[in-house]
C-alpha atoms as a PDB file:
ATOM      1  CA  MET A   1      15.100 -13.192 -10.554  1.00  0.00           C
ATOM      2  CA  LEU A   2      11.842 -13.162  -7.893  1.00  0.00           C
ATOM      3  CA  THR A   3      13.166 -13.845  -4.526  1.00  0.00           C
ATOM      4  CA  VAL A   4      10.603 -15.283  -1.766  1.00  0.00           C
ATOM      5  CA  LYS A   5      12.249 -13.033   0.713  1.00  0.00           C
ATOM      6  CA  ARG A   6      11.045  -9.805  -1.182  1.00  0.00           C
ATOM      7  CA  VAL A   7       7.713 -11.008  -1.638  1.00  0.00           C
ATOM      8  CA  VAL A   8       7.184 -11.772   2.157  1.00  0.00           C
ATOM      9  CA  ILE A   9       8.733  -8.881   3.296  1.00  0.00           C
ATOM     10  CA  ALA A  10       6.594  -6.334   1.088  1.00  0.00           C
ATOM     11  CA  THR A  11       3.657  -8.317   1.776  1.00  0.00           C
ATOM     12  CA  LEU A  12       4.033  -8.325   5.666  1.00  0.00           C
ATOM     13  CA  CYS A  13       4.795  -4.409   5.144  1.00  0.00           C
ATOM     14  CA  GLY A  14       1.453  -3.876   3.296  1.00  0.00           C
ATOM     15  CA  LEU A  15      -0.211  -6.018   5.879  1.00  0.00           C
ATOM     16  CA  LEU A  16       1.169  -3.896   8.655  1.00  0.00           C
ATOM     17  CA  PHE A  17       0.290  -0.589   6.914  1.00  0.00           C
ATOM     18  CA  GLY A  18      -3.177  -1.837   6.160  1.00  0.00           C
ATOM     19  CA  VAL A  19      -3.729  -2.273  10.074  1.00  0.00           C
ATOM     20  CA  ILE A  20      -2.314   1.263  10.496  1.00  0.00           C
ATOM     21  CA  CYS A  21      -4.704   2.409   7.655  1.00  0.00           C
ATOM     22  CA  THR A  22      -7.707   0.816   9.208  1.00  0.00           C
ATOM     23  CA  SER A  23      -6.840   2.254  12.627  1.00  0.00           C
ATOM     24  CA  LEU A  24      -6.419   5.756  11.179  1.00  0.00           C
ATOM     25  CA  ALA A  25      -9.790   5.367   9.223  1.00  0.00           C
ATOM     26  CA  SER A  26     -11.578   4.290  12.476  1.00  0.00           C
ATOM     27  CA  THR A  27     -10.380   7.348  14.604  1.00  0.00           C
ATOM     28  CA  ASN A  28     -13.251   9.574  13.618  1.00  0.00           C
ATOM     29  CA  PRO A  29     -16.136   8.924  16.286  1.00  0.00           C
ATOM     30  CA  GLU A  30     -18.556  10.786  13.820  1.00  0.00           C
ATOM     31  CA  SER A  31     -18.393   8.359  10.962  1.00  0.00           C
ATOM     32  CA  GLU A  32     -18.096   4.716  11.751  1.00  0.00           C
ATOM     33  CA  VAL A  33     -16.337   2.577   9.382  1.00  0.00           C
ATOM     34  CA  SER A  34     -18.180  -0.644   8.644  1.00  0.00           C
ATOM     35  CA  TRP A  35     -16.427  -3.980   8.805  1.00  0.00           C
ATOM     36  CA  GLN A  36     -16.707  -4.230   4.989  1.00  0.00           C
ATOM     37  CA  ILE A  37     -14.753  -1.079   4.696  1.00  0.00           C
ATOM     38  CA  GLN A  38     -12.007  -2.059   7.102  1.00  0.00           C
ATOM     39  CA  MET A  39     -11.492  -5.182   5.356  1.00  0.00           C
ATOM     40  CA  THR A  40     -11.097  -3.385   1.944  1.00  0.00           C
ATOM     41  CA  ILE A  41      -8.546  -1.226   3.568  1.00  0.00           C
ATOM     42  CA  LEU A  42      -6.706  -4.241   4.862  1.00  0.00           C
ATOM     43  CA  PHE A  43      -6.747  -6.080   1.824  1.00  0.00           C
ATOM     44  CA  SER A  44      -5.972  -3.366  -0.414  1.00  0.00           C
ATOM     45  CA  ARG A  45      -2.915  -2.358   1.499  1.00  0.00           C
ATOM     46  CA  THR A  46      -1.751  -6.053   1.683  1.00  0.00           C
ATOM     47  CA  LEU A  47      -2.420  -6.215  -2.067  1.00  0.00           C
ATOM     48  CA  MET A  48      -0.007  -3.329  -2.569  1.00  0.00           C
ATOM     49  CA  GLY A  49       2.813  -5.035  -0.561  1.00  0.00           C
ATOM     50  CA  PHE A  50       2.355  -7.947  -2.574  1.00  0.00           C
ATOM     51  CA  THR A  51       2.270  -6.041  -5.822  1.00  0.00           C
ATOM     52  CA  ILE A  52       5.349  -4.420  -4.802  1.00  0.00           C
ATOM     53  CA  GLY A  53       6.995  -7.679  -3.862  1.00  0.00           C
ATOM     54  CA  ILE A  54       6.319  -9.427  -7.282  1.00  0.00           C
ATOM     55  CA  SER A  55       6.528  -6.180  -9.569  1.00  0.00           C
ATOM     56  CA  ALA A  56       9.557  -6.104 -11.786  1.00  0.00           C
ATOM     57  CA  PHE A  57       9.255  -2.815 -13.501  1.00  0.00           C
ATOM     58  CA  LYS A  58      12.600  -1.125 -14.124  1.00  0.00           C
ATOM     59  CA  MET A  59      12.451   2.005 -12.237  1.00  0.00           C
ATOM     60  CA  ARG A  60      14.274   3.373  -9.205  1.00  0.00           C
ATOM     61  CA  TRP A  61      12.890   1.906  -5.926  1.00  0.00           C
ATOM     62  CA  TRP A  62      11.421   5.055  -4.487  1.00  0.00           C
ATOM     63  CA  LEU A  63       9.388   5.865  -7.686  1.00  0.00           C
ATOM     64  CA  HIS A  64       8.291   2.204  -7.847  1.00  0.00           C
ATOM     65  CA  GLY A  65       6.756   2.419  -4.363  1.00  0.00           C
ATOM     66  CA  ILE A  66       4.871   5.528  -5.189  1.00  0.00           C
ATOM     67  CA  VAL A  67       3.486   4.198  -8.639  1.00  0.00           C
ATOM     68  CA  ILE A  68       2.568   0.720  -7.136  1.00  0.00           C
ATOM     69  CA  GLY A  69       0.662   2.583  -4.125  1.00  0.00           C
ATOM     70  CA  PHE A  70      -0.951   5.050  -6.291  1.00  0.00           C
ATOM     71  CA  VAL A  71      -2.107   2.368  -8.616  1.00  0.00           C
ATOM     72  CA  THR A  72      -3.563  -0.264  -5.781  1.00  0.00           C
ATOM     73  CA  SER A  73      -5.208   2.991  -4.331  1.00  0.00           C
ATOM     74  CA  ILE A  74      -7.615   3.262  -7.137  1.00  0.00           C
ATOM     75  CA  PRO A  75     -10.139   0.409  -6.202  1.00  0.00           C
ATOM     76  CA  MET A  76     -10.283   1.743  -2.670  1.00  0.00           C
ATOM     77  CA  ALA A  77     -10.875   5.577  -3.918  1.00  0.00           C
ATOM     78  CA  ILE A  78     -13.663   4.870  -6.368  1.00  0.00           C
ATOM     79  CA  PRO A  79     -16.555   4.287  -3.586  1.00  0.00           C
ATOM     80  CA  VAL A  80     -15.528   7.539  -2.018  1.00  0.00           C
ATOM     81  CA  MET A  81     -15.221   9.704  -5.173  1.00  0.00           C
ATOM     82  CA  ASP A  82     -17.906  11.994  -3.601  1.00  0.00           C
ATOM     83  CA  ARG A  83     -15.811  12.963  -0.739  1.00  0.00           C
ATOM     84  CA  THR A  84     -13.041  14.945  -1.818  1.00  0.00           C
ATOM     85  CA  ASP A  85     -11.070  14.679   1.056  1.00  0.00           C
ATOM     86  CA  ILE A  86     -11.152  11.121   1.548  1.00  0.00           C
ATOM     87  CA  PHE A  87     -10.630  10.529  -2.341  1.00  0.00           C
ATOM     88  CA  ILE A  88      -7.450  12.392  -2.329  1.00  0.00           C
ATOM     89  CA  GLY A  89      -6.380  11.071   1.196  1.00  0.00           C
ATOM     90  CA  THR A  90      -6.783   7.389  -0.169  1.00  0.00           C
ATOM     91  CA  PHE A  91      -4.178   8.196  -3.016  1.00  0.00           C
ATOM     92  CA  VAL A  92      -1.709  10.182  -0.709  1.00  0.00           C
ATOM     93  CA  MET A  93      -1.853   7.547   1.989  1.00  0.00           C
ATOM     94  CA  GLY A  94      -1.154   4.966  -0.726  1.00  0.00           C
ATOM     95  CA  MET A  95       1.739   6.646  -2.301  1.00  0.00           C
ATOM     96  CA  ILE A  96       3.298   7.006   1.233  1.00  0.00           C
ATOM     97  CA  PHE A  97       2.517   3.550   2.202  1.00  0.00           C
ATOM     98  CA  GLY A  98       4.102   2.334  -1.192  1.00  0.00           C
ATOM     99  CA  LEU A  99       7.094   4.346  -0.747  1.00  0.00           C
ATOM    100  CA  LEU A 100       7.597   2.983   2.993  1.00  0.00           C
ATOM    101  CA  THR A 101       6.950  -0.574   1.857  1.00  0.00           C
ATOM    102  CA  GLU A 102       9.687  -0.102  -1.013  1.00  0.00           C
ATOM    103  CA  LEU A 103      12.021   1.500   1.608  1.00  0.00           C
ATOM    104  CA  ILE A 104      11.825  -1.164   4.060  1.00  0.00           C
ATOM    105  CA  THR A 105      11.918  -4.057   1.606  1.00  0.00           C
ATOM    106  CA  THR A 106      14.727  -2.330  -0.590  1.00  0.00           C
ATOM    107  CA  LYS A 107      16.721  -0.849   1.629  1.00  0.00           C
ATOM    108  CA  LEU A 108      16.414  -2.014   5.177  1.00  0.00           C
ATOM    109  CA  PHE A 109      16.034  -5.855   4.281  1.00  0.00           C
ATOM    110  CA  LYS A 110      18.278  -5.354   1.107  1.00  0.00           C
ATOM    111  CA  ALA A 111      15.618  -7.227  -0.942  1.00  0.00           C
ATOM    112  CA  LYS A 112      16.081  -5.608  -4.432  1.00  0.00           C
ATOM    113  CA  ALA A 113      13.630  -5.888  -7.171  1.00  0.00           C
ATOM    114  CA  ALA A 114      14.459  -8.188 -10.154  1.00  0.00           C
ATOM    115  CA  LEU A 115      15.606  -5.795 -12.645  1.00  0.00           C
ATOM    116  CA  THR A 116      17.131  -3.111 -10.559  1.00  0.00           C
END
């Protein structure tokens, strides 16, 4: 059974991690991050949280967060395929933020997934 508590907490975690990820991307003064890319990062991480909240994949919570984080990072990574460091970093940060979102949602707030 899908719970509103899980969806809301996971989405808010994704939004928070989107803000953090946008801030991290904007720290390099040599390469300015455009407004469109900042919004892409923010929406992508928020979508990751929402997807974690509504997903009912039957797998361990930590693996669920890593898989969803990886999958939802694909659209964000495609435009930067020519920059290997940013391309890999996008997936790594997606998996870390996915794991943290799932950890906070499932363990801290006890909002377990539907089929676990």
